[in-house]
N, C-alpha and C. Protein backbone atom coordinates (compact mmCIF):
# COMPACT_ATOMS: atom_id res chain seq x y z
N UNK A 1 37.77 -1.63 9.04
CA UNK A 1 36.77 -0.97 8.23
C UNK A 1 37.30 -0.85 6.82
N UNK A 2 36.46 -1.06 5.85
CA UNK A 2 36.85 -0.93 4.45
C UNK A 2 36.11 0.25 3.86
N UNK A 3 36.79 1.02 3.05
CA UNK A 3 36.12 2.14 2.40
C UNK A 3 36.47 2.14 0.93
N UNK A 4 35.53 2.56 0.13
CA UNK A 4 35.70 2.63 -1.31
C UNK A 4 35.60 4.08 -1.70
N UNK A 5 36.58 4.56 -2.43
CA UNK A 5 36.58 5.98 -2.79
C UNK A 5 36.80 6.10 -4.28
N UNK A 6 35.82 6.66 -4.98
CA UNK A 6 35.94 6.88 -6.42
C UNK A 6 36.45 8.28 -6.72
N UNK A 7 35.90 9.27 -6.07
CA UNK A 7 36.27 10.65 -6.28
C UNK A 7 36.54 11.27 -4.92
N UNK A 8 37.32 12.33 -4.86
CA UNK A 8 37.58 12.95 -3.56
C UNK A 8 36.31 13.42 -2.86
N UNK A 9 35.29 13.82 -3.63
CA UNK A 9 34.07 14.34 -3.00
C UNK A 9 33.10 13.23 -2.60
N UNK A 10 33.32 12.01 -3.07
CA UNK A 10 32.42 10.91 -2.77
C UNK A 10 33.16 9.91 -1.90
N UNK A 11 32.60 9.55 -0.75
CA UNK A 11 33.25 8.61 0.16
C UNK A 11 32.18 7.72 0.75
N UNK A 12 32.28 6.43 0.49
CA UNK A 12 31.32 5.48 1.04
C UNK A 12 32.05 4.52 1.96
N UNK A 13 31.43 4.20 3.07
CA UNK A 13 32.03 3.27 4.02
C UNK A 13 31.18 2.01 4.10
N UNK A 14 31.84 0.87 4.22
CA UNK A 14 31.17 -0.41 4.34
C UNK A 14 31.63 -1.07 5.63
N UNK A 15 30.76 -1.83 6.31
CA UNK A 15 31.21 -2.57 7.47
C UNK A 15 32.17 -3.67 7.04
N UNK A 16 33.14 -4.05 7.88
CA UNK A 16 34.14 -5.04 7.50
C UNK A 16 33.54 -6.37 7.06
N UNK A 17 32.41 -6.77 7.63
CA UNK A 17 31.82 -8.06 7.27
C UNK A 17 31.28 -8.07 5.84
N UNK A 18 31.02 -6.89 5.26
CA UNK A 18 30.46 -6.85 3.92
C UNK A 18 31.51 -7.08 2.84
N UNK A 19 32.78 -6.92 3.15
CA UNK A 19 33.85 -7.13 2.18
C UNK A 19 34.90 -8.08 2.75
N UNK A 20 34.61 -9.39 2.87
CA UNK A 20 35.54 -10.31 3.50
C UNK A 20 36.84 -10.48 2.72
N UNK A 21 36.84 -10.23 1.41
CA UNK A 21 38.06 -10.40 0.64
C UNK A 21 39.12 -9.37 1.01
N UNK A 22 38.74 -8.33 1.73
CA UNK A 22 39.71 -7.30 2.10
C UNK A 22 40.44 -7.62 3.40
N UNK A 23 40.06 -8.69 4.08
CA UNK A 23 40.68 -8.99 5.36
C UNK A 23 42.17 -9.24 5.22
N UNK A 24 42.58 -9.86 4.12
CA UNK A 24 44.01 -10.15 3.95
C UNK A 24 44.73 -9.06 3.17
N UNK A 25 44.00 -8.11 2.59
CA UNK A 25 44.63 -7.05 1.80
C UNK A 25 44.73 -5.77 2.60
N UNK A 26 45.77 -5.04 2.37
CA UNK A 26 45.90 -3.72 2.98
C UNK A 26 45.46 -2.65 1.98
N UNK A 27 45.87 -2.75 0.75
CA UNK A 27 45.45 -1.86 -0.33
C UNK A 27 45.18 -2.72 -1.56
N UNK A 28 44.24 -2.35 -2.39
CA UNK A 28 43.95 -3.11 -3.60
C UNK A 28 42.74 -2.55 -4.31
N UNK A 29 42.25 -3.30 -5.25
CA UNK A 29 41.06 -2.87 -5.98
C UNK A 29 39.99 -3.93 -5.88
N UNK A 30 38.76 -3.51 -5.97
CA UNK A 30 37.65 -4.45 -5.96
C UNK A 30 37.45 -4.99 -7.37
N UNK A 31 36.95 -6.22 -7.50
CA UNK A 31 36.70 -6.77 -8.84
C UNK A 31 35.70 -5.94 -9.64
N UNK A 32 34.80 -5.23 -8.96
CA UNK A 32 33.80 -4.45 -9.69
C UNK A 32 34.37 -3.14 -10.22
N UNK A 33 35.54 -2.75 -9.75
CA UNK A 33 36.13 -1.48 -10.19
C UNK A 33 37.09 -1.75 -11.33
N UNK A 34 36.94 -1.05 -12.41
CA UNK A 34 37.86 -1.15 -13.53
C UNK A 34 38.72 0.10 -13.54
N UNK A 35 39.95 -0.08 -13.87
CA UNK A 35 40.84 1.07 -13.91
C UNK A 35 40.52 1.93 -15.13
N UNK A 36 40.39 3.21 -14.90
CA UNK A 36 40.23 4.15 -16.00
C UNK A 36 40.77 5.48 -15.54
N UNK A 37 41.15 6.30 -16.48
CA UNK A 37 41.71 7.60 -16.12
C UNK A 37 40.65 8.51 -15.52
N UNK A 38 39.40 8.30 -15.91
CA UNK A 38 38.34 9.19 -15.45
C UNK A 38 37.90 8.88 -14.02
N UNK A 39 37.95 7.62 -13.62
CA UNK A 39 37.43 7.26 -12.30
C UNK A 39 38.37 6.30 -11.58
N UNK A 40 39.44 6.80 -10.95
CA UNK A 40 40.32 5.91 -10.21
C UNK A 40 39.59 5.36 -8.99
N UNK A 41 39.94 4.14 -8.63
CA UNK A 41 39.26 3.48 -7.52
C UNK A 41 40.31 3.07 -6.48
N UNK A 42 40.17 3.53 -5.27
CA UNK A 42 41.11 3.22 -4.20
C UNK A 42 40.35 2.51 -3.09
N UNK A 43 40.92 1.40 -2.60
CA UNK A 43 40.30 0.65 -1.52
C UNK A 43 41.27 0.61 -0.35
N UNK A 44 40.76 0.89 0.84
CA UNK A 44 41.56 0.86 2.06
C UNK A 44 40.91 -0.09 3.04
N UNK A 45 41.71 -0.87 3.76
CA UNK A 45 41.17 -1.75 4.80
C UNK A 45 41.85 -1.39 6.11
N UNK A 46 41.06 -1.21 7.14
CA UNK A 46 41.57 -0.89 8.47
C UNK A 46 40.80 -1.70 9.49
N UNK A 47 41.44 -2.02 10.60
CA UNK A 47 40.77 -2.69 11.70
C UNK A 47 40.18 -1.62 12.60
N UNK A 48 38.89 -1.72 12.88
CA UNK A 48 38.22 -0.74 13.72
C UNK A 48 37.78 -1.45 14.99
N UNK A 49 38.14 -0.87 16.12
CA UNK A 49 37.73 -1.44 17.40
C UNK A 49 36.29 -1.04 17.66
N UNK A 50 35.48 -2.03 18.00
CA UNK A 50 34.08 -1.72 18.28
C UNK A 50 33.89 -1.62 19.78
N UNK A 51 33.17 -0.61 20.18
CA UNK A 51 32.89 -0.43 21.60
C UNK A 51 31.45 -0.81 21.87
N UNK A 52 31.15 -1.30 23.07
CA UNK A 52 29.78 -1.70 23.36
C UNK A 52 28.81 -0.53 23.38
N UNK A 53 29.28 0.71 23.48
CA UNK A 53 28.38 1.86 23.55
C UNK A 53 27.90 2.32 22.18
N UNK A 54 28.53 1.82 21.09
CA UNK A 54 28.09 2.25 19.76
C UNK A 54 26.79 1.56 19.39
N UNK A 55 25.97 2.25 18.62
CA UNK A 55 24.69 1.69 18.21
C UNK A 55 24.91 0.63 17.14
N UNK A 56 24.08 -0.41 17.09
CA UNK A 56 24.26 -1.46 16.09
C UNK A 56 24.00 -0.90 14.69
N UNK A 57 24.81 -1.35 13.71
CA UNK A 57 24.64 -0.87 12.34
C UNK A 57 23.74 -1.83 11.58
N UNK A 58 23.16 -1.34 10.50
CA UNK A 58 22.29 -2.17 9.67
C UNK A 58 23.13 -3.12 8.84
N UNK A 59 22.67 -4.34 8.69
CA UNK A 59 23.33 -5.32 7.85
C UNK A 59 22.96 -5.12 6.40
N UNK A 60 23.61 -5.88 5.55
CA UNK A 60 23.34 -5.76 4.12
C UNK A 60 21.90 -6.12 3.79
N UNK A 61 21.37 -7.15 4.44
CA UNK A 61 19.99 -7.56 4.15
C UNK A 61 19.00 -6.49 4.56
N UNK A 62 19.24 -5.87 5.72
CA UNK A 62 18.33 -4.82 6.17
C UNK A 62 18.39 -3.62 5.23
N UNK A 63 19.58 -3.25 4.79
CA UNK A 63 19.71 -2.13 3.86
C UNK A 63 19.05 -2.44 2.52
N UNK A 64 19.21 -3.68 2.05
CA UNK A 64 18.58 -4.07 0.80
C UNK A 64 17.06 -4.04 0.93
N UNK A 65 16.54 -4.57 2.04
CA UNK A 65 15.09 -4.56 2.26
C UNK A 65 14.57 -3.13 2.36
N UNK A 66 15.32 -2.27 3.03
CA UNK A 66 14.93 -0.87 3.16
C UNK A 66 14.94 -0.19 1.79
N UNK A 67 15.96 -0.48 0.98
CA UNK A 67 16.05 0.11 -0.35
C UNK A 67 14.93 -0.33 -1.27
N UNK A 68 14.42 -1.53 -1.07
CA UNK A 68 13.31 -2.02 -1.88
C UNK A 68 11.98 -1.48 -1.37
N UNK A 69 11.83 -1.37 -0.05
CA UNK A 69 10.55 -0.99 0.54
C UNK A 69 10.25 0.50 0.43
N UNK A 70 11.25 1.35 0.61
CA UNK A 70 11.01 2.80 0.66
C UNK A 70 10.42 3.35 -0.64
N UNK A 71 10.95 3.02 -1.83
CA UNK A 71 10.32 3.56 -3.04
C UNK A 71 8.87 3.12 -3.21
N UNK A 72 8.56 1.90 -2.81
CA UNK A 72 7.18 1.43 -2.90
C UNK A 72 6.25 2.19 -1.98
N UNK A 73 6.71 2.47 -0.77
CA UNK A 73 5.91 3.22 0.19
C UNK A 73 5.69 4.64 -0.30
N UNK A 74 6.74 5.25 -0.84
CA UNK A 74 6.63 6.62 -1.35
C UNK A 74 5.65 6.67 -2.51
N UNK A 75 5.69 5.69 -3.41
CA UNK A 75 4.78 5.68 -4.56
C UNK A 75 3.33 5.51 -4.14
N UNK A 76 3.08 4.69 -3.12
CA UNK A 76 1.72 4.46 -2.65
C UNK A 76 1.17 5.70 -1.95
N UNK A 77 2.02 6.45 -1.27
CA UNK A 77 1.57 7.59 -0.49
C UNK A 77 1.52 8.89 -1.28
N UNK A 78 1.59 8.84 -2.60
CA UNK A 78 1.52 10.05 -3.41
C UNK A 78 0.15 10.69 -3.25
N UNK A 79 0.12 12.00 -3.14
CA UNK A 79 -1.14 12.73 -3.13
C UNK A 79 -1.71 12.64 -4.54
N UNK A 80 -2.96 12.22 -4.68
CA UNK A 80 -3.52 11.95 -6.00
C UNK A 80 -3.54 13.17 -6.90
N UNK A 81 -3.78 14.36 -6.37
CA UNK A 81 -3.82 15.56 -7.20
C UNK A 81 -2.43 15.88 -7.72
N UNK A 82 -1.42 15.86 -6.85
CA UNK A 82 -0.08 16.17 -7.31
C UNK A 82 0.46 15.05 -8.18
N UNK A 83 0.04 13.81 -7.93
CA UNK A 83 0.49 12.69 -8.74
C UNK A 83 -0.05 12.81 -10.15
N UNK A 84 -1.31 13.23 -10.29
CA UNK A 84 -1.91 13.38 -11.61
C UNK A 84 -1.24 14.48 -12.41
N UNK A 85 -0.78 15.53 -11.75
CA UNK A 85 -0.16 16.65 -12.44
C UNK A 85 1.36 16.53 -12.46
N UNK A 86 1.88 15.38 -12.07
CA UNK A 86 3.32 15.18 -12.05
C UNK A 86 3.85 15.29 -13.48
N UNK A 87 4.94 15.99 -13.64
CA UNK A 87 5.48 16.23 -14.96
C UNK A 87 6.16 14.98 -15.52
N UNK A 88 5.80 14.59 -16.72
CA UNK A 88 6.43 13.49 -17.42
C UNK A 88 7.44 14.07 -18.39
N UNK A 89 8.38 13.26 -18.82
CA UNK A 89 9.42 13.74 -19.72
C UNK A 89 8.80 14.27 -21.01
N UNK A 90 9.13 15.50 -21.35
CA UNK A 90 8.61 16.11 -22.56
C UNK A 90 7.30 16.86 -22.38
N UNK A 91 6.78 16.89 -21.14
CA UNK A 91 5.52 17.56 -20.87
C UNK A 91 5.66 18.47 -19.66
N UNK A 92 4.84 19.51 -19.62
CA UNK A 92 4.81 20.44 -18.49
C UNK A 92 3.42 20.42 -17.86
N UNK A 93 3.36 20.55 -16.52
CA UNK A 93 2.05 20.50 -15.86
C UNK A 93 1.37 21.86 -15.79
N UNK A 94 0.04 21.84 -15.80
CA UNK A 94 -0.78 23.02 -15.57
C UNK A 94 -1.78 22.63 -14.48
N UNK A 95 -1.88 23.45 -13.45
CA UNK A 95 -2.84 23.20 -12.38
C UNK A 95 -3.62 24.47 -12.12
N UNK A 96 -4.93 24.38 -12.16
CA UNK A 96 -5.81 25.50 -11.85
C UNK A 96 -6.57 25.14 -10.59
N UNK A 97 -6.10 25.65 -9.46
CA UNK A 97 -6.72 25.32 -8.17
C UNK A 97 -8.11 25.94 -8.04
N UNK A 98 -8.31 27.10 -8.65
CA UNK A 98 -9.61 27.78 -8.57
C UNK A 98 -10.71 26.95 -9.22
N UNK A 99 -10.44 26.44 -10.41
CA UNK A 99 -11.45 25.66 -11.13
C UNK A 99 -11.31 24.16 -10.89
N UNK A 100 -10.22 23.73 -10.25
CA UNK A 100 -10.06 22.34 -9.85
C UNK A 100 -9.70 21.36 -10.95
N UNK A 101 -8.75 21.70 -11.82
CA UNK A 101 -8.31 20.74 -12.83
C UNK A 101 -6.81 20.86 -13.02
N UNK A 102 -6.23 19.82 -13.60
CA UNK A 102 -4.81 19.82 -13.95
C UNK A 102 -4.62 18.94 -15.17
N UNK A 103 -3.61 19.26 -15.98
CA UNK A 103 -3.29 18.46 -17.16
C UNK A 103 -1.85 18.72 -17.55
N UNK A 104 -1.36 17.94 -18.51
CA UNK A 104 -0.01 18.09 -19.03
C UNK A 104 -0.09 18.55 -20.49
N UNK A 105 0.85 19.41 -20.88
CA UNK A 105 0.92 19.81 -22.28
C UNK A 105 2.36 19.66 -22.75
N UNK A 106 2.58 19.45 -24.05
CA UNK A 106 3.93 19.20 -24.55
C UNK A 106 4.87 20.39 -24.36
N UNK A 107 6.12 20.09 -24.05
CA UNK A 107 7.16 21.10 -23.92
C UNK A 107 7.31 21.82 -25.26
N UNK A 108 7.47 23.12 -25.23
CA UNK A 108 7.64 23.90 -26.45
C UNK A 108 6.36 24.57 -26.93
N UNK A 109 5.23 24.16 -26.38
CA UNK A 109 3.97 24.80 -26.73
C UNK A 109 3.84 26.09 -25.95
N UNK A 110 3.09 27.05 -26.50
CA UNK A 110 2.92 28.35 -25.85
C UNK A 110 1.46 28.55 -25.45
N UNK A 111 1.29 29.23 -24.32
CA UNK A 111 -0.07 29.56 -23.89
C UNK A 111 -0.54 30.77 -24.68
N UNK A 112 -1.75 30.69 -25.20
CA UNK A 112 -2.35 31.81 -25.91
C UNK A 112 -3.69 32.12 -25.25
N UNK A 113 -4.11 33.37 -25.37
CA UNK A 113 -5.37 33.79 -24.76
C UNK A 113 -6.43 33.87 -25.86
N UNK A 114 -7.50 33.12 -25.65
CA UNK A 114 -8.63 33.13 -26.58
C UNK A 114 -9.88 33.36 -25.75
N UNK A 115 -10.66 34.35 -26.15
CA UNK A 115 -11.87 34.70 -25.40
C UNK A 115 -12.82 33.51 -25.31
N UNK A 116 -13.34 33.27 -24.12
CA UNK A 116 -14.27 32.17 -23.90
C UNK A 116 -13.61 30.86 -23.51
N UNK A 117 -12.30 30.81 -23.56
CA UNK A 117 -11.56 29.59 -23.19
C UNK A 117 -10.83 29.85 -21.87
N UNK A 118 -10.81 28.85 -21.00
CA UNK A 118 -10.11 29.01 -19.72
C UNK A 118 -8.60 28.94 -19.92
N UNK A 119 -8.12 27.93 -20.61
CA UNK A 119 -6.69 27.78 -20.93
C UNK A 119 -6.57 27.26 -22.35
N UNK A 120 -5.57 27.76 -23.08
CA UNK A 120 -5.28 27.27 -24.42
C UNK A 120 -3.77 27.23 -24.59
N UNK A 121 -3.26 26.09 -25.05
CA UNK A 121 -1.85 25.94 -25.38
C UNK A 121 -1.77 25.47 -26.82
N UNK A 122 -0.82 26.07 -27.58
CA UNK A 122 -0.73 25.82 -29.01
C UNK A 122 0.70 25.46 -29.38
N UNK A 123 0.84 24.54 -30.32
CA UNK A 123 2.15 24.18 -30.84
C UNK A 123 2.60 25.29 -31.79
N UNK A 124 3.81 25.82 -31.58
CA UNK A 124 4.29 26.91 -32.43
C UNK A 124 4.72 26.40 -33.81
N UNK A 125 5.04 25.12 -33.91
CA UNK A 125 5.47 24.56 -35.20
C UNK A 125 4.27 24.10 -36.02
N UNK A 126 3.35 23.39 -35.39
CA UNK A 126 2.12 22.92 -36.04
C UNK A 126 0.94 23.67 -35.46
N UNK A 127 0.53 24.79 -36.05
CA UNK A 127 -0.51 25.63 -35.45
C UNK A 127 -1.88 24.97 -35.33
N UNK A 128 -2.12 23.87 -36.03
CA UNK A 128 -3.41 23.19 -35.91
C UNK A 128 -3.47 22.27 -34.69
N UNK A 129 -2.33 22.05 -34.04
CA UNK A 129 -2.31 21.21 -32.84
C UNK A 129 -2.41 22.10 -31.62
N UNK A 130 -3.41 21.84 -30.79
CA UNK A 130 -3.61 22.65 -29.60
C UNK A 130 -4.37 21.85 -28.55
N UNK A 131 -4.39 22.39 -27.35
CA UNK A 131 -5.19 21.83 -26.27
C UNK A 131 -5.85 23.01 -25.56
N UNK A 132 -7.11 22.84 -25.21
CA UNK A 132 -7.82 23.93 -24.54
C UNK A 132 -8.75 23.37 -23.48
N UNK A 133 -9.11 24.24 -22.54
CA UNK A 133 -10.04 23.89 -21.48
C UNK A 133 -11.21 24.85 -21.56
N UNK A 134 -12.41 24.29 -21.71
CA UNK A 134 -13.65 25.07 -21.70
C UNK A 134 -14.43 24.65 -20.47
N UNK A 135 -14.91 25.61 -19.73
CA UNK A 135 -15.74 25.32 -18.56
C UNK A 135 -17.18 25.66 -18.89
N UNK A 136 -18.07 24.69 -18.72
CA UNK A 136 -19.49 24.90 -18.97
C UNK A 136 -20.22 24.71 -17.65
N UNK A 137 -20.88 25.75 -17.16
CA UNK A 137 -21.57 25.62 -15.88
C UNK A 137 -22.72 24.61 -15.97
N UNK A 138 -22.92 23.90 -14.88
CA UNK A 138 -24.00 22.92 -14.81
C UNK A 138 -24.54 22.86 -13.38
N UNK A 139 -25.75 22.40 -13.26
CA UNK A 139 -26.32 22.26 -11.92
C UNK A 139 -26.10 20.85 -11.38
N UNK A 140 -25.35 20.02 -12.09
CA UNK A 140 -25.07 18.65 -11.67
C UNK A 140 -23.96 18.65 -10.61
N UNK A 141 -24.09 17.76 -9.65
CA UNK A 141 -23.10 17.64 -8.58
C UNK A 141 -21.99 16.64 -8.92
N UNK A 142 -22.31 15.64 -9.73
CA UNK A 142 -21.37 14.57 -10.05
C UNK A 142 -21.45 14.31 -11.55
N UNK A 143 -20.36 13.88 -12.13
CA UNK A 143 -20.35 13.62 -13.58
C UNK A 143 -21.31 12.50 -13.95
N UNK A 144 -21.56 11.59 -13.02
CA UNK A 144 -22.51 10.49 -13.27
C UNK A 144 -23.95 11.00 -13.42
N UNK A 145 -24.21 12.21 -12.90
CA UNK A 145 -25.54 12.80 -13.03
C UNK A 145 -25.85 13.21 -14.47
N UNK A 146 -24.82 13.29 -15.32
CA UNK A 146 -25.02 13.65 -16.73
C UNK A 146 -25.55 12.48 -17.55
N UNK A 147 -25.44 11.26 -17.01
CA UNK A 147 -25.94 10.08 -17.71
C UNK A 147 -24.85 9.05 -17.89
N UNK A 148 -25.18 7.96 -18.59
CA UNK A 148 -24.17 6.92 -18.85
C UNK A 148 -23.10 7.44 -19.81
N UNK A 149 -21.92 6.82 -19.82
CA UNK A 149 -20.81 7.31 -20.67
C UNK A 149 -21.18 7.46 -22.14
N UNK A 150 -21.95 6.53 -22.69
CA UNK A 150 -22.33 6.61 -24.11
C UNK A 150 -23.16 7.86 -24.39
N UNK A 151 -24.10 8.16 -23.50
CA UNK A 151 -24.97 9.33 -23.68
C UNK A 151 -24.15 10.62 -23.57
N UNK A 152 -23.23 10.68 -22.61
CA UNK A 152 -22.38 11.87 -22.44
C UNK A 152 -21.51 12.07 -23.67
N UNK A 153 -20.93 10.99 -24.19
CA UNK A 153 -20.07 11.08 -25.37
C UNK A 153 -20.86 11.55 -26.59
N UNK A 154 -22.04 11.01 -26.80
CA UNK A 154 -22.87 11.42 -27.94
C UNK A 154 -23.25 12.90 -27.84
N UNK A 155 -23.60 13.35 -26.64
CA UNK A 155 -23.96 14.75 -26.44
C UNK A 155 -22.77 15.66 -26.73
N UNK A 156 -21.58 15.28 -26.25
CA UNK A 156 -20.38 16.08 -26.53
C UNK A 156 -20.09 16.14 -28.02
N UNK A 157 -20.20 15.01 -28.68
CA UNK A 157 -19.94 14.97 -30.13
C UNK A 157 -20.91 15.88 -30.87
N UNK A 158 -22.19 15.78 -30.58
CA UNK A 158 -23.21 16.53 -31.31
C UNK A 158 -23.20 18.02 -30.99
N UNK A 159 -22.97 18.38 -29.74
CA UNK A 159 -23.12 19.79 -29.35
C UNK A 159 -21.81 20.57 -29.25
N UNK A 160 -20.67 19.87 -29.17
CA UNK A 160 -19.41 20.59 -28.95
C UNK A 160 -18.34 20.25 -29.98
N UNK A 161 -18.12 18.97 -30.23
CA UNK A 161 -16.95 18.56 -31.00
C UNK A 161 -17.12 18.59 -32.52
N UNK A 162 -18.31 18.35 -33.02
CA UNK A 162 -18.49 18.24 -34.47
C UNK A 162 -19.61 19.17 -34.94
N UNK A 163 -19.47 19.73 -36.15
CA UNK A 163 -20.56 20.55 -36.70
C UNK A 163 -21.75 19.65 -37.05
N UNK A 164 -22.96 20.22 -37.08
CA UNK A 164 -24.17 19.42 -37.34
C UNK A 164 -24.15 18.69 -38.68
N UNK A 165 -23.45 19.22 -39.66
CA UNK A 165 -23.44 18.60 -40.99
C UNK A 165 -22.49 17.40 -41.08
N UNK A 166 -21.64 17.22 -40.08
CA UNK A 166 -20.65 16.14 -40.12
C UNK A 166 -21.24 14.84 -39.57
N UNK A 167 -21.00 13.75 -40.29
CA UNK A 167 -21.46 12.44 -39.84
C UNK A 167 -20.43 11.88 -38.87
N UNK A 168 -20.87 11.44 -37.70
CA UNK A 168 -19.95 10.93 -36.67
C UNK A 168 -20.37 9.54 -36.24
N UNK A 169 -19.40 8.82 -35.66
CA UNK A 169 -19.67 7.49 -35.14
C UNK A 169 -18.90 7.32 -33.84
N UNK A 170 -19.59 6.98 -32.78
CA UNK A 170 -18.96 6.74 -31.48
C UNK A 170 -18.40 5.32 -31.48
N UNK A 171 -17.11 5.21 -31.24
CA UNK A 171 -16.46 3.89 -31.24
C UNK A 171 -16.52 3.24 -29.86
N UNK A 172 -16.19 4.00 -28.82
CA UNK A 172 -16.21 3.44 -27.46
C UNK A 172 -16.38 4.55 -26.45
N UNK A 173 -17.07 4.22 -25.38
CA UNK A 173 -17.23 5.14 -24.24
C UNK A 173 -17.38 4.27 -23.00
N UNK A 174 -16.55 4.52 -22.00
CA UNK A 174 -16.65 3.74 -20.77
C UNK A 174 -16.22 4.59 -19.59
N UNK A 175 -16.67 4.18 -18.42
CA UNK A 175 -16.32 4.87 -17.18
C UNK A 175 -15.07 4.22 -16.60
N UNK A 176 -14.09 5.05 -16.22
CA UNK A 176 -12.85 4.56 -15.62
C UNK A 176 -12.58 5.37 -14.37
N UNK A 177 -12.29 4.68 -13.27
CA UNK A 177 -11.90 5.35 -12.04
C UNK A 177 -10.40 5.63 -12.14
N UNK A 178 -10.04 6.85 -12.54
CA UNK A 178 -8.66 7.21 -12.84
C UNK A 178 -7.74 7.08 -11.63
N UNK A 179 -8.18 7.52 -10.46
CA UNK A 179 -7.34 7.48 -9.26
C UNK A 179 -7.04 6.03 -8.88
N UNK A 180 -8.02 5.14 -8.94
CA UNK A 180 -7.80 3.74 -8.61
C UNK A 180 -6.86 3.07 -9.61
N UNK A 181 -6.97 3.42 -10.88
CA UNK A 181 -6.11 2.80 -11.88
C UNK A 181 -4.66 3.26 -11.75
N UNK A 182 -4.42 4.44 -11.17
CA UNK A 182 -3.04 4.89 -10.94
C UNK A 182 -2.37 4.10 -9.84
N UNK A 183 -3.10 3.72 -8.80
CA UNK A 183 -2.48 3.05 -7.67
C UNK A 183 -2.28 1.57 -7.90
N UNK A 184 -2.89 0.98 -8.92
CA UNK A 184 -2.72 -0.45 -9.15
C UNK A 184 -1.67 -0.75 -10.18
């Protein structure tokens, strides 16, 4: 049996067939290990008697295939709600289970309370930068019941986002299935 030891707390074992160059060596270093004061590398080779009662070990190919397959399976099986609210570097997640939404806001922003708003987060350095959630009750069951994307965008621009005196121009509006685009 060959074992590679970098630190006293870390110990990895390899089957003898995975390191054939150690068959003739009793002690030595692997070509991948460079000597440094911070990370000494010690290699030991021993003959291990195998008994027929021991369970078969995985080969290098099986371990490699398992290492490639497991992350893919885990990524595919993500719960869509938790996946959407997963924290990205530099952002923090907010999830409101009662109202059924989640979003990310930049690290360092503070939550502020403003009457009529469900959630508001503001940048403490740039006070004009903020994100907020407004809930408007509707009798519609599905967002598609509000109309085509262009009509919804124009209504939002005229009634919510811009004052009546401001001239606006819609550049693009389209429907995207967000959950499907995450899995592909």
